Full PDB file with SEQRES, HELIX, SHEET, SSBOND, CRYST1, ORIGX, SCALE, CONECT and MASTER records, all heavy atoms in Angstrom:
SEQRES   1 A   42  GLU ILE GLY ASN TRP ARG GLY VAL TYR ALA ALA PRO GLY          
SEQRES   2 A   42  ILE THR PRO GLU GLN ARG LYS ALA LEU THR ASP MET VAL          
SEQRES   3 A   42  LEU ALA ALA MET LYS SER LYS SER TRP ALA GLU SER LEU          
SEQRES   4 A   42  GLU LYS ASN                                                  
HELIX    1 AA1 PRO A   16  MET A   30  1                                  15    
HELIX    2 AA2 LYS A   33  LYS A   41  1                                   9    
CRYST1    1.000    1.000    1.000  90.00  90.00  90.00 P 1           1          
ORIGX1      1.000000  0.000000  0.000000        0.00000                         
ORIGX2      0.000000  1.000000  0.000000        0.00000                         
ORIGX3      0.000000  0.000000  1.000000        0.00000                         
SCALE1      1.000000  0.000000  0.000000        0.00000                         
SCALE2      0.000000  1.000000  0.000000        0.00000                         
SCALE3      0.000000  0.000000  1.000000        0.00000                         
ATOM      1  N   GLU A   1      98.511 144.858  47.689  1.00  0.00           N  
ATOM      2  CA  GLU A   1      98.570 144.294  46.298  1.00  0.00           C  
ATOM      3  C   GLU A   1      99.524 145.285  45.612  1.00  0.00           C  
ATOM      4  O   GLU A   1      99.386 146.420  45.591  1.00  0.00           O  
ATOM      5  CB  GLU A   1      97.319 144.339  45.682  1.00  0.00           C  
ATOM      6  CG  GLU A   1      97.345 143.866  44.188  1.00  0.00           C  
ATOM      7  CD  GLU A   1      95.983 144.033  43.549  1.00  0.00           C  
ATOM      8  OE1 GLU A   1      94.967 144.269  44.151  1.00  0.00           O  
ATOM      9  OE2 GLU A   1      96.045 144.088  42.285  1.00  0.00           O  
ATOM     10  N   ILE A   2     100.567 144.730  44.991  1.00  0.00           N  
ATOM     11  CA  ILE A   2     101.542 145.477  44.240  1.00  0.00           C  
ATOM     12  C   ILE A   2     102.152 144.731  43.065  1.00  0.00           C  
ATOM     13  O   ILE A   2     102.515 143.462  43.384  1.00  0.00           O  
ATOM     14  CB  ILE A   2     102.603 146.158  45.108  1.00  0.00           C  
ATOM     15  CG1 ILE A   2     103.483 147.072  44.359  1.00  0.00           C  
ATOM     16  CG2 ILE A   2     103.356 145.109  45.863  1.00  0.00           C  
ATOM     17  CD1 ILE A   2     104.500 147.936  45.162  1.00  0.00           C  
ATOM     18  N   GLY A   3     102.315 145.154  41.935  1.00  0.00           N  
ATOM     19  CA  GLY A   3     102.929 144.455  40.805  1.00  0.00           C  
ATOM     20  C   GLY A   3     104.317 144.984  40.509  1.00  0.00           C  
ATOM     21  O   GLY A   3     104.603 146.161  40.776  1.00  0.00           O  
ATOM     22  N   ASN A   4     104.982 144.203  39.735  1.00  0.00           N  
ATOM     23  CA  ASN A   4     106.335 144.636  39.215  1.00  0.00           C  
ATOM     24  C   ASN A   4     106.304 144.501  37.729  1.00  0.00           C  
ATOM     25  O   ASN A   4     106.067 143.414  37.115  1.00  0.00           O  
ATOM     26  CB  ASN A   4     107.387 143.651  39.838  1.00  0.00           C  
ATOM     27  CG  ASN A   4     108.789 144.072  39.457  1.00  0.00           C  
ATOM     28  OD1 ASN A   4     109.031 145.171  38.965  1.00  0.00           O  
ATOM     29  ND2 ASN A   4     109.709 143.101  39.627  1.00  0.00           N  
ATOM     30  N   TRP A   5     106.575 145.595  37.010  1.00  0.00           N  
ATOM     31  CA  TRP A   5     106.645 145.501  35.569  1.00  0.00           C  
ATOM     32  C   TRP A   5     108.092 145.746  35.119  1.00  0.00           C  
ATOM     33  O   TRP A   5     108.922 146.359  35.783  1.00  0.00           O  
ATOM     34  CB  TRP A   5     105.648 146.598  34.939  1.00  0.00           C  
ATOM     35  CG  TRP A   5     106.025 147.977  35.344  1.00  0.00           C  
ATOM     36  CD1 TRP A   5     105.454 148.687  36.449  1.00  0.00           C  
ATOM     37  CD2 TRP A   5     106.928 148.936  34.800  1.00  0.00           C  
ATOM     38  NE1 TRP A   5     105.935 149.883  36.510  1.00  0.00           N  
ATOM     39  CE2 TRP A   5     106.876 150.191  35.489  1.00  0.00           C  
ATOM     40  CE3 TRP A   5     107.700 148.847  33.686  1.00  0.00           C  
ATOM     41  CZ2 TRP A   5     107.598 151.290  35.215  1.00  0.00           C  
ATOM     42  CZ3 TRP A   5     108.500 149.956  33.312  1.00  0.00           C  
ATOM     43  CH2 TRP A   5     108.338 151.139  34.119  1.00  0.00           C  
ATOM     44  N   ARG A   6     108.346 145.362  33.887  1.00  0.00           N  
ATOM     45  CA  ARG A   6     109.698 145.451  33.277  1.00  0.00           C  
ATOM     46  C   ARG A   6     109.508 146.030  31.879  1.00  0.00           C  
ATOM     47  O   ARG A   6     108.628 145.750  31.195  1.00  0.00           O  
ATOM     48  CB  ARG A   6     110.498 144.266  33.242  1.00  0.00           C  
ATOM     49  CG  ARG A   6     110.785 143.617  34.688  1.00  0.00           C  
ATOM     50  CD  ARG A   6     111.635 142.537  34.749  1.00  0.00           C  
ATOM     51  NE  ARG A   6     111.900 141.989  36.120  1.00  0.00           N  
ATOM     52  CZ  ARG A   6     111.367 140.870  36.590  1.00  0.00           C  
ATOM     53  NH1 ARG A   6     110.736 140.088  35.799  1.00  0.00           N  
ATOM     54  NH2 ARG A   6     111.616 140.594  37.854  1.00  0.00           N  
ATOM     55  N   GLY A   7     110.517 146.898  31.510  1.00  0.00           N  
ATOM     56  CA  GLY A   7     110.518 147.536  30.198  1.00  0.00           C  
ATOM     57  C   GLY A   7     111.884 147.756  29.685  1.00  0.00           C  
ATOM     58  O   GLY A   7     112.906 147.166  30.148  1.00  0.00           O  
ATOM     59  N   VAL A   8     111.923 148.346  28.528  1.00  0.00           N  
ATOM     60  CA  VAL A   8     113.275 148.611  27.814  1.00  0.00           C  
ATOM     61  C   VAL A   8     113.320 150.013  27.361  1.00  0.00           C  
ATOM     62  O   VAL A   8     112.352 150.632  26.806  1.00  0.00           O  
ATOM     63  CB  VAL A   8     113.422 147.587  26.709  1.00  0.00           C  
ATOM     64  CG1 VAL A   8     112.324 147.731  25.620  1.00  0.00           C  
ATOM     65  CG2 VAL A   8     114.727 147.778  26.065  1.00  0.00           C  
ATOM     66  N   TYR A   9     114.555 150.756  27.575  1.00  0.00           N  
ATOM     67  CA  TYR A   9     114.731 152.038  27.072  1.00  0.00           C  
ATOM     68  C   TYR A   9     115.915 152.023  26.124  1.00  0.00           C  
ATOM     69  O   TYR A   9     116.675 150.987  26.094  1.00  0.00           O  
ATOM     70  CB  TYR A   9     115.187 152.892  28.287  1.00  0.00           C  
ATOM     71  CG  TYR A   9     114.024 153.659  28.904  1.00  0.00           C  
ATOM     72  CD1 TYR A   9     112.836 152.993  29.368  1.00  0.00           C  
ATOM     73  CD2 TYR A   9     114.124 155.081  29.051  1.00  0.00           C  
ATOM     74  CE1 TYR A   9     111.856 153.745  29.896  1.00  0.00           C  
ATOM     75  CE2 TYR A   9     113.099 155.765  29.715  1.00  0.00           C  
ATOM     76  CZ  TYR A   9     111.945 155.095  30.069  1.00  0.00           C  
ATOM     77  OH  TYR A   9     110.923 155.858  30.663  1.00  0.00           O  
ATOM     78  N   ALA A  10     116.000 153.045  25.363  1.00  0.00           N  
ATOM     79  CA  ALA A  10     117.186 153.170  24.355  1.00  0.00           C  
ATOM     80  C   ALA A  10     118.004 154.376  24.834  1.00  0.00           C  
ATOM     81  O   ALA A  10     117.831 155.025  25.776  1.00  0.00           O  
ATOM     82  CB  ALA A  10     116.611 153.458  22.923  1.00  0.00           C  
ATOM     83  N   ALA A  11     119.069 154.551  24.056  1.00  0.00           N  
ATOM     84  CA  ALA A  11     119.996 155.540  24.423  1.00  0.00           C  
ATOM     85  C   ALA A  11     119.514 157.028  24.353  1.00  0.00           C  
ATOM     86  O   ALA A  11     118.598 157.168  23.648  1.00  0.00           O  
ATOM     87  CB  ALA A  11     121.227 155.427  23.560  1.00  0.00           C  
ATOM     88  N   PRO A  12     120.170 157.866  25.112  1.00  0.00           N  
ATOM     89  CA  PRO A  12     119.780 159.341  24.964  1.00  0.00           C  
ATOM     90  C   PRO A  12     120.196 159.835  23.417  1.00  0.00           C  
ATOM     91  O   PRO A  12     121.131 159.271  22.910  1.00  0.00           O  
ATOM     92  CB  PRO A  12     120.672 160.115  25.952  1.00  0.00           C  
ATOM     93  CG  PRO A  12     121.148 158.988  26.888  1.00  0.00           C  
ATOM     94  CD  PRO A  12     121.231 157.781  26.101  1.00  0.00           C  
ATOM     95  N   GLY A  13     119.483 160.754  23.006  1.00  0.00           N  
ATOM     96  CA  GLY A  13     119.858 161.384  21.777  1.00  0.00           C  
ATOM     97  C   GLY A  13     119.685 160.836  20.490  1.00  0.00           C  
ATOM     98  O   GLY A  13     120.234 161.143  19.459  1.00  0.00           O  
ATOM     99  N   ILE A  14     118.857 159.696  20.491  1.00  0.00           N  
ATOM    100  CA  ILE A  14     118.663 159.052  19.174  1.00  0.00           C  
ATOM    101  C   ILE A  14     117.459 159.800  18.487  1.00  0.00           C  
ATOM    102  O   ILE A  14     116.650 160.589  19.199  1.00  0.00           O  
ATOM    103  CB  ILE A  14     118.272 157.612  19.361  1.00  0.00           C  
ATOM    104  CG1 ILE A  14     117.084 157.337  20.149  1.00  0.00           C  
ATOM    105  CG2 ILE A  14     119.406 156.802  19.887  1.00  0.00           C  
ATOM    106  CD1 ILE A  14     116.549 155.910  20.174  1.00  0.00           C  
ATOM    107  N   THR A  15     117.355 159.567  17.185  1.00  0.00           N  
ATOM    108  CA  THR A  15     116.342 160.325  16.541  1.00  0.00           C  
ATOM    109  C   THR A  15     114.854 159.714  16.653  1.00  0.00           C  
ATOM    110  O   THR A  15     114.890 158.514  17.023  1.00  0.00           O  
ATOM    111  CB  THR A  15     116.617 160.339  14.948  1.00  0.00           C  
ATOM    112  OG1 THR A  15     116.537 159.044  14.515  1.00  0.00           O  
ATOM    113  CG2 THR A  15     118.015 160.982  14.642  1.00  0.00           C  
ATOM    114  N   PRO A  16     113.899 160.419  16.401  1.00  0.00           N  
ATOM    115  CA  PRO A  16     112.571 159.864  16.422  1.00  0.00           C  
ATOM    116  C   PRO A  16     112.439 158.509  15.513  1.00  0.00           C  
ATOM    117  O   PRO A  16     111.797 157.678  15.857  1.00  0.00           O  
ATOM    118  CB  PRO A  16     111.589 160.948  15.998  1.00  0.00           C  
ATOM    119  CG  PRO A  16     112.261 162.227  16.466  1.00  0.00           C  
ATOM    120  CD  PRO A  16     113.789 161.856  16.149  1.00  0.00           C  
ATOM    121  N   GLU A  17     113.092 158.557  14.293  1.00  0.00           N  
ATOM    122  CA  GLU A  17     113.059 157.495  13.356  1.00  0.00           C  
ATOM    123  C   GLU A  17     113.705 156.340  14.014  1.00  0.00           C  
ATOM    124  O   GLU A  17     113.371 155.235  13.800  1.00  0.00           O  
ATOM    125  CB  GLU A  17     113.703 157.933  12.091  1.00  0.00           C  
ATOM    126  CG  GLU A  17     112.989 159.010  11.294  1.00  0.00           C  
ATOM    127  CD  GLU A  17     113.033 160.330  11.889  1.00  0.00           C  
ATOM    128  OE1 GLU A  17     114.034 160.658  12.592  1.00  0.00           O  
ATOM    129  OE2 GLU A  17     112.359 161.223  11.491  1.00  0.00           O  
ATOM    130  N   GLN A  18     114.900 156.587  14.655  1.00  0.00           N  
ATOM    131  CA  GLN A  18     115.640 155.420  15.293  1.00  0.00           C  
ATOM    132  C   GLN A  18     114.872 154.849  16.466  1.00  0.00           C  
ATOM    133  O   GLN A  18     114.819 153.686  16.646  1.00  0.00           O  
ATOM    134  CB  GLN A  18     116.937 155.878  15.696  1.00  0.00           C  
ATOM    135  CG  GLN A  18     117.928 156.195  14.556  1.00  0.00           C  
ATOM    136  CD  GLN A  18     119.125 156.942  14.943  1.00  0.00           C  
ATOM    137  OE1 GLN A  18     119.189 157.691  16.021  1.00  0.00           O  
ATOM    138  NE2 GLN A  18     120.209 156.966  14.208  1.00  0.00           N  
ATOM    139  N   ARG A  19     114.092 155.726  17.270  1.00  0.00           N  
ATOM    140  CA  ARG A  19     113.240 155.207  18.248  1.00  0.00           C  
ATOM    141  C   ARG A  19     112.181 154.302  17.776  1.00  0.00           C  
ATOM    142  O   ARG A  19     111.961 153.251  18.208  1.00  0.00           O  
ATOM    143  CB  ARG A  19     112.685 156.393  19.053  1.00  0.00           C  
ATOM    144  CG  ARG A  19     111.755 155.950  20.172  1.00  0.00           C  
ATOM    145  CD  ARG A  19     111.064 157.096  20.821  1.00  0.00           C  
ATOM    146  NE  ARG A  19     110.064 156.661  21.874  1.00  0.00           N  
ATOM    147  CZ  ARG A  19     109.342 157.361  22.656  1.00  0.00           C  
ATOM    148  NH1 ARG A  19     109.404 158.704  22.535  1.00  0.00           N  
ATOM    149  NH2 ARG A  19     108.428 156.876  23.485  1.00  0.00           N  
ATOM    150  N   LYS A  20     111.474 154.782  16.727  1.00  0.00           N  
ATOM    151  CA  LYS A  20     110.505 154.016  16.102  1.00  0.00           C  
ATOM    152  C   LYS A  20     110.948 152.640  15.636  1.00  0.00           C  
ATOM    153  O   LYS A  20     110.407 151.572  15.751  1.00  0.00           O  
ATOM    154  CB  LYS A  20     109.772 154.588  14.912  1.00  0.00           C  
ATOM    155  CG  LYS A  20     108.576 153.973  14.277  1.00  0.00           C  
ATOM    156  CD  LYS A  20     107.919 154.694  13.166  1.00  0.00           C  
ATOM    157  CE  LYS A  20     106.609 153.934  12.727  1.00  0.00           C  
ATOM    158  NZ  LYS A  20     106.907 152.609  12.342  1.00  0.00           N  
ATOM    159  N   ALA A  21     112.118 152.647  15.008  1.00  0.00           N  
ATOM    160  CA  ALA A  21     112.840 151.394  14.449  1.00  0.00           C  
ATOM    161  C   ALA A  21     112.988 150.482  15.580  1.00  0.00           C  
ATOM    162  O   ALA A  21     112.684 149.198  15.413  1.00  0.00           O  
ATOM    163  CB  ALA A  21     114.104 151.730  13.714  1.00  0.00           C  
ATOM    164  N   LEU A  22     113.666 150.951  16.659  1.00  0.00           N  
ATOM    165  CA  LEU A  22     113.813 150.043  17.895  1.00  0.00           C  
ATOM    166  C   LEU A  22     112.565 149.584  18.399  1.00  0.00           C  
ATOM    167  O   LEU A  22     112.523 148.365  18.834  1.00  0.00           O  
ATOM    168  CB  LEU A  22     114.688 150.796  18.835  1.00  0.00           C  
ATOM    169  CG  LEU A  22     116.112 150.972  18.529  1.00  0.00           C  
ATOM    170  CD1 LEU A  22     116.807 152.018  19.542  1.00  0.00           C  
ATOM    171  CD2 LEU A  22     117.039 149.734  18.590  1.00  0.00           C  
ATOM    172  N   THR A  23     111.573 150.344  18.490  1.00  0.00           N  
ATOM    173  CA  THR A  23     110.253 149.951  19.076  1.00  0.00           C  
ATOM    174  C   THR A  23     109.703 148.771  18.149  1.00  0.00           C  
ATOM    175  O   THR A  23     109.200 147.815  18.639  1.00  0.00           O  
ATOM    176  CB  THR A  23     109.261 151.071  19.029  1.00  0.00           C  
ATOM    177  OG1 THR A  23     109.802 152.185  19.850  1.00  0.00           O  
ATOM    178  CG2 THR A  23     107.920 150.700  19.532  1.00  0.00           C  
ATOM    179  N   ASP A  24     109.800 148.995  16.833  1.00  0.00           N  
ATOM    180  CA  ASP A  24     109.287 147.940  15.868  1.00  0.00           C  
ATOM    181  C   ASP A  24     110.073 146.580  16.049  1.00  0.00           C  
ATOM    182  O   ASP A  24     109.562 145.563  15.973  1.00  0.00           O  
ATOM    183  CB  ASP A  24     109.437 148.393  14.420  1.00  0.00           C  
ATOM    184  CG  ASP A  24     108.443 149.517  14.102  1.00  0.00           C  
ATOM    185  OD1 ASP A  24     107.433 149.687  14.892  1.00  0.00           O  
ATOM    186  OD2 ASP A  24     108.574 150.167  13.071  1.00  0.00           O  
ATOM    187  N   MET A  25     111.395 146.771  16.345  1.00  0.00           N  
ATOM    188  CA  MET A  25     112.172 145.591  16.464  1.00  0.00           C  
ATOM    189  C   MET A  25     111.686 144.907  17.780  1.00  0.00           C  
ATOM    190  O   MET A  25     111.593 143.624  17.827  1.00  0.00           O  
ATOM    191  CB  MET A  25     113.628 146.000  16.555  1.00  0.00           C  
ATOM    192  CG  MET A  25     114.173 146.408  15.206  1.00  0.00           C  
ATOM    193  SD  MET A  25     115.709 147.163  15.424  1.00  0.00           S  
ATOM    194  CE  MET A  25     116.816 145.785  15.891  1.00  0.00           C  
ATOM    195  N   VAL A  26     111.470 145.616  18.936  1.00  0.00           N  
ATOM    196  CA  VAL A  26     111.004 144.932  20.199  1.00  0.00           C  
ATOM    197  C   VAL A  26     109.646 144.353  19.961  1.00  0.00           C  
ATOM    198  O   VAL A  26     109.432 143.198  20.433  1.00  0.00           O  
ATOM    199  CB  VAL A  26     111.062 146.019  21.318  1.00  0.00           C  
ATOM    200  CG1 VAL A  26     110.303 145.458  22.505  1.00  0.00           C  
ATOM    201  CG2 VAL A  26     112.461 146.364  21.626  1.00  0.00           C  
ATOM    202  N   LEU A  27     108.864 144.984  19.219  1.00  0.00           N  
ATOM    203  CA  LEU A  27     107.369 144.463  19.033  1.00  0.00           C  
ATOM    204  C   LEU A  27     107.597 143.077  18.233  1.00  0.00           C  
ATOM    205  O   LEU A  27     106.779 142.207  18.426  1.00  0.00           O  
ATOM    206  CB  LEU A  27     106.541 145.436  18.266  1.00  0.00           C  
ATOM    207  CG  LEU A  27     106.116 146.702  19.159  1.00  0.00           C  
ATOM    208  CD1 LEU A  27     105.476 147.651  18.238  1.00  0.00           C  
ATOM    209  CD2 LEU A  27     105.292 146.235  20.244  1.00  0.00           C  
ATOM    210  N   ALA A  28     108.478 143.085  17.253  1.00  0.00           N  
ATOM    211  CA  ALA A  28     108.608 141.884  16.474  1.00  0.00           C  
ATOM    212  C   ALA A  28     109.157 140.790  17.419  1.00  0.00           C  
ATOM    213  O   ALA A  28     108.708 139.618  17.293  1.00  0.00           O  
ATOM    214  CB  ALA A  28     109.687 142.208  15.341  1.00  0.00           C  
ATOM    215  N   ALA A  29     110.004 141.050  18.287  1.00  0.00           N  
ATOM    216  CA  ALA A  29     110.527 140.100  19.231  1.00  0.00           C  
ATOM    217  C   ALA A  29     109.384 139.582  20.162  1.00  0.00           C  
ATOM    218  O   ALA A  29     109.454 138.439  20.435  1.00  0.00           O  
ATOM    219  CB  ALA A  29     111.624 140.762  20.065  1.00  0.00           C  
ATOM    220  N   MET A  30     108.527 140.439  20.518  1.00  0.00           N  
ATOM    221  CA  MET A  30     107.311 140.041  21.346  1.00  0.00           C  
ATOM    222  C   MET A  30     106.528 138.987  20.655  1.00  0.00           C  
ATOM    223  O   MET A  30     105.765 138.163  21.359  1.00  0.00           O  
ATOM    224  CB  MET A  30     106.497 141.182  21.775  1.00  0.00           C  
ATOM    225  CG  MET A  30     107.176 142.333  22.543  1.00  0.00           C  
ATOM    226  SD  MET A  30     107.587 141.910  24.244  1.00  0.00           S  
ATOM    227  CE  MET A  30     109.417 141.581  23.883  1.00  0.00           C  
ATOM    228  N   LYS A  31     106.560 138.871  19.296  1.00  0.00           N  
ATOM    229  CA  LYS A  31     105.722 137.866  18.600  1.00  0.00           C  
ATOM    230  C   LYS A  31     106.540 136.615  18.300  1.00  0.00           C  
ATOM    231  O   LYS A  31     105.950 135.668  17.645  1.00  0.00           O  
ATOM    232  CB  LYS A  31     105.319 138.592  17.362  1.00  0.00           C  
ATOM    233  CG  LYS A  31     104.349 139.752  17.431  1.00  0.00           C  
ATOM    234  CD  LYS A  31     104.084 140.401  16.163  1.00  0.00           C  
ATOM    235  CE  LYS A  31     103.313 141.637  16.358  1.00  0.00           C  
ATOM    236  NZ  LYS A  31     102.902 142.390  15.050  1.00  0.00           N  
ATOM    237  N   SER A  32     107.744 136.516  18.712  1.00  0.00           N  
ATOM    238  CA  SER A  32     108.598 135.339  18.409  1.00  0.00           C  
ATOM    239  C   SER A  32     108.218 134.083  19.244  1.00  0.00           C  
ATOM    240  O   SER A  32     107.623 134.225  20.435  1.00  0.00           O  
ATOM    241  CB  SER A  32     110.033 135.609  18.537  1.00  0.00           C  
ATOM    242  OG  SER A  32     110.360 135.918  19.998  1.00  0.00           O  
ATOM    243  N   LYS A  33     108.485 132.935  18.784  1.00  0.00           N  
ATOM    244  CA  LYS A  33     108.242 131.713  19.560  1.00  0.00           C  
ATOM    245  C   LYS A  33     109.230 131.633  20.779  1.00  0.00           C  
ATOM    246  O   LYS A  33     108.701 131.212  21.926  1.00  0.00           O  
ATOM    247  CB  LYS A  33     108.734 130.519  18.717  1.00  0.00           C  
ATOM    248  CG  LYS A  33     108.553 129.139  19.445  1.00  0.00           C  
ATOM    249  CD  LYS A  33     108.931 128.058  18.548  1.00  0.00           C  
ATOM    250  CE  LYS A  33     108.863 126.714  19.263  1.00  0.00           C  
ATOM    251  NZ  LYS A  33     109.289 125.601  18.463  1.00  0.00           N  
ATOM    252  N   SER A  34     110.389 132.213  20.777  1.00  0.00           N  
ATOM    253  CA  SER A  34     111.408 132.333  21.851  1.00  0.00           C  
ATOM    254  C   SER A  34     110.695 133.185  23.002  1.00  0.00           C  
ATOM    255  O   SER A  34     110.844 132.685  24.163  1.00  0.00           O  
ATOM    256  CB  SER A  34     112.623 132.908  21.377  1.00  0.00           C  
ATOM    257  OG  SER A  34     113.502 133.259  22.413  1.00  0.00           O  
ATOM    258  N   TRP A  35     110.134 134.272  22.632  1.00  0.00           N  
ATOM    259  CA  TRP A  35     109.441 135.127  23.778  1.00  0.00           C  
ATOM    260  C   TRP A  35     108.326 134.275  24.418  1.00  0.00           C  
ATOM    261  O   TRP A  35     108.305 134.497  25.594  1.00  0.00           O  
ATOM    262  CB  TRP A  35     109.118 136.531  23.104  1.00  0.00           C  
ATOM    263  CG  TRP A  35     108.693 137.406  24.176  1.00  0.00           C  
ATOM    264  CD1 TRP A  35     107.431 137.872  24.431  1.00  0.00           C  
ATOM    265  CD2 TRP A  35     109.516 138.019  25.191  1.00  0.00           C  
ATOM    266  NE1 TRP A  35     107.402 138.685  25.472  1.00  0.00           N  
ATOM    267  CE2 TRP A  35     108.614 138.766  25.973  1.00  0.00           C  
ATOM    268  CE3 TRP A  35     110.892 137.855  25.542  1.00  0.00           C  
ATOM    269  CZ2 TRP A  35     109.060 139.550  27.149  1.00  0.00           C  
ATOM    270  CZ3 TRP A  35     111.345 138.662  26.600  1.00  0.00           C  
ATOM    271  CH2 TRP A  35     110.436 139.502  27.428  1.00  0.00           C  
ATOM    272  N   ALA A  36     107.564 133.780  23.464  1.00  0.00           N  
ATOM    273  CA  ALA A  36     106.302 133.027  24.192  1.00  0.00           C  
ATOM    274  C   ALA A  36     106.806 131.953  25.167  1.00  0.00           C  
ATOM    275  O   ALA A  36     106.283 131.758  26.127  1.00  0.00           O  
ATOM    276  CB  ALA A  36     105.579 132.388  22.922  1.00  0.00           C  
ATOM    277  N   GLU A  37     107.915 131.340  24.828  1.00  0.00           N  
ATOM    278  CA  GLU A  37     108.457 130.273  25.658  1.00  0.00           C  
ATOM    279  C   GLU A  37     108.928 130.930  26.965  1.00  0.00           C  
ATOM    280  O   GLU A  37     108.873 130.376  28.020  1.00  0.00           O  
ATOM    281  CB  GLU A  37     109.621 129.464  24.974  1.00  0.00           C  
ATOM    282  CG  GLU A  37     109.055 128.569  23.846  1.00  0.00           C  
ATOM    283  CD  GLU A  37     110.208 127.967  22.947  1.00  0.00           C  
ATOM    284  OE1 GLU A  37     111.417 128.512  23.104  1.00  0.00           O  
ATOM    285  OE2 GLU A  37     110.010 127.054  22.216  1.00  0.00           O  
ATOM    286  N   SER A  38     109.599 132.052  26.886  1.00  0.00           N  
ATOM    287  CA  SER A  38     110.076 132.800  28.056  1.00  0.00           C  
ATOM    288  C   SER A  38     108.967 133.223  28.920  1.00  0.00           C  
ATOM    289  O   SER A  38     109.068 133.126  30.222  1.00  0.00           O  
ATOM    290  CB  SER A  38     110.978 133.958  27.656  1.00  0.00           C  
ATOM    291  OG  SER A  38     112.108 133.602  26.996  1.00  0.00           O  
ATOM    292  N   LEU A  39     107.882 133.686  28.301  1.00  0.00           N  
ATOM    293  CA  LEU A  39     106.662 134.085  29.153  1.00  0.00           C  
ATOM    294  C   LEU A  39     106.178 132.967  29.986  1.00  0.00           C  
ATOM    295  O   LEU A  39     105.869 133.060  31.136  1.00  0.00           O  
ATOM    296  CB  LEU A  39     105.614 134.668  28.187  1.00  0.00           C  
ATOM    297  CG  LEU A  39     105.797 136.020  27.521  1.00  0.00           C  
ATOM    298  CD1 LEU A  39     104.740 136.340  26.583  1.00  0.00           C  
ATOM    299  CD2 LEU A  39     106.006 137.133  28.557  1.00  0.00           C  
ATOM    300  N   GLU A  40     106.026 131.755  29.371  1.00  0.00           N  
ATOM    301  CA  GLU A  40     105.518 130.514  30.029  1.00  0.00           C  
ATOM    302  C   GLU A  40     106.472 130.057  31.006  1.00  0.00           C  
ATOM    303  O   GLU A  40     106.010 129.715  32.229  1.00  0.00           O  
ATOM    304  CB  GLU A  40     105.108 129.542  28.989  1.00  0.00           C  
ATOM    305  CG  GLU A  40     104.586 128.337  29.615  1.00  0.00           C  
ATOM    306  CD  GLU A  40     104.261 127.202  28.553  1.00  0.00           C  
ATOM    307  OE1 GLU A  40     104.366 127.367  27.251  1.00  0.00           O  
ATOM    308  OE2 GLU A  40     103.685 126.151  28.959  1.00  0.00           O  
ATOM    309  N   LYS A  41     107.690 129.873  30.659  1.00  0.00           N  
ATOM    310  CA  LYS A  41     108.681 129.410  31.659  1.00  0.00           C  
ATOM    311  C   LYS A  41     108.897 130.294  32.899  1.00  0.00           C  
ATOM    312  O   LYS A  41     109.012 129.649  33.978  1.00  0.00           O  
ATOM    313  CB  LYS A  41     110.111 129.425  30.927  1.00  0.00           C  
ATOM    314  CG  LYS A  41     111.258 129.014  31.893  1.00  0.00           C  
ATOM    315  CD  LYS A  41     112.628 129.075  31.101  1.00  0.00           C  
ATOM    316  CE  LYS A  41     113.686 128.780  32.082  1.00  0.00           C  
ATOM    317  NZ  LYS A  41     115.084 129.028  31.360  1.00  0.00           N  
ATOM    318  N   ASN A  42     108.741 131.558  32.754  1.00  0.00           N  
ATOM    319  CA  ASN A  42     108.995 132.499  33.904  1.00  0.00           C  
ATOM    320  C   ASN A  42     107.799 132.965  34.592  1.00  0.00           C  
ATOM    321  O   ASN A  42     107.812 133.711  35.537  1.00  0.00           O  
ATOM    322  CB  ASN A  42     109.819 133.601  33.471  1.00  0.00           C  
ATOM    323  CG  ASN A  42     111.189 133.267  33.009  1.00  0.00           C  
ATOM    324  OD1 ASN A  42     112.001 132.766  33.846  1.00  0.00           O  
ATOM    325  ND2 ASN A  42     111.509 133.335  31.762  1.00  0.00           N  
TER     326      ASN A  42                                                      
MASTER        0    0    0    2    0    0    0    6  325    1    0    4          
END                                                                             
């Protein structure tokens, strides 16, 4: 039994504030209708 996960990284050297902002953006994307459709389709 083995699973495959996928994630997202940002560039080296960004500030903690920029990291948080990008994280918030990705979390917002996870709540979108488009993402829900991708989860179901794939």
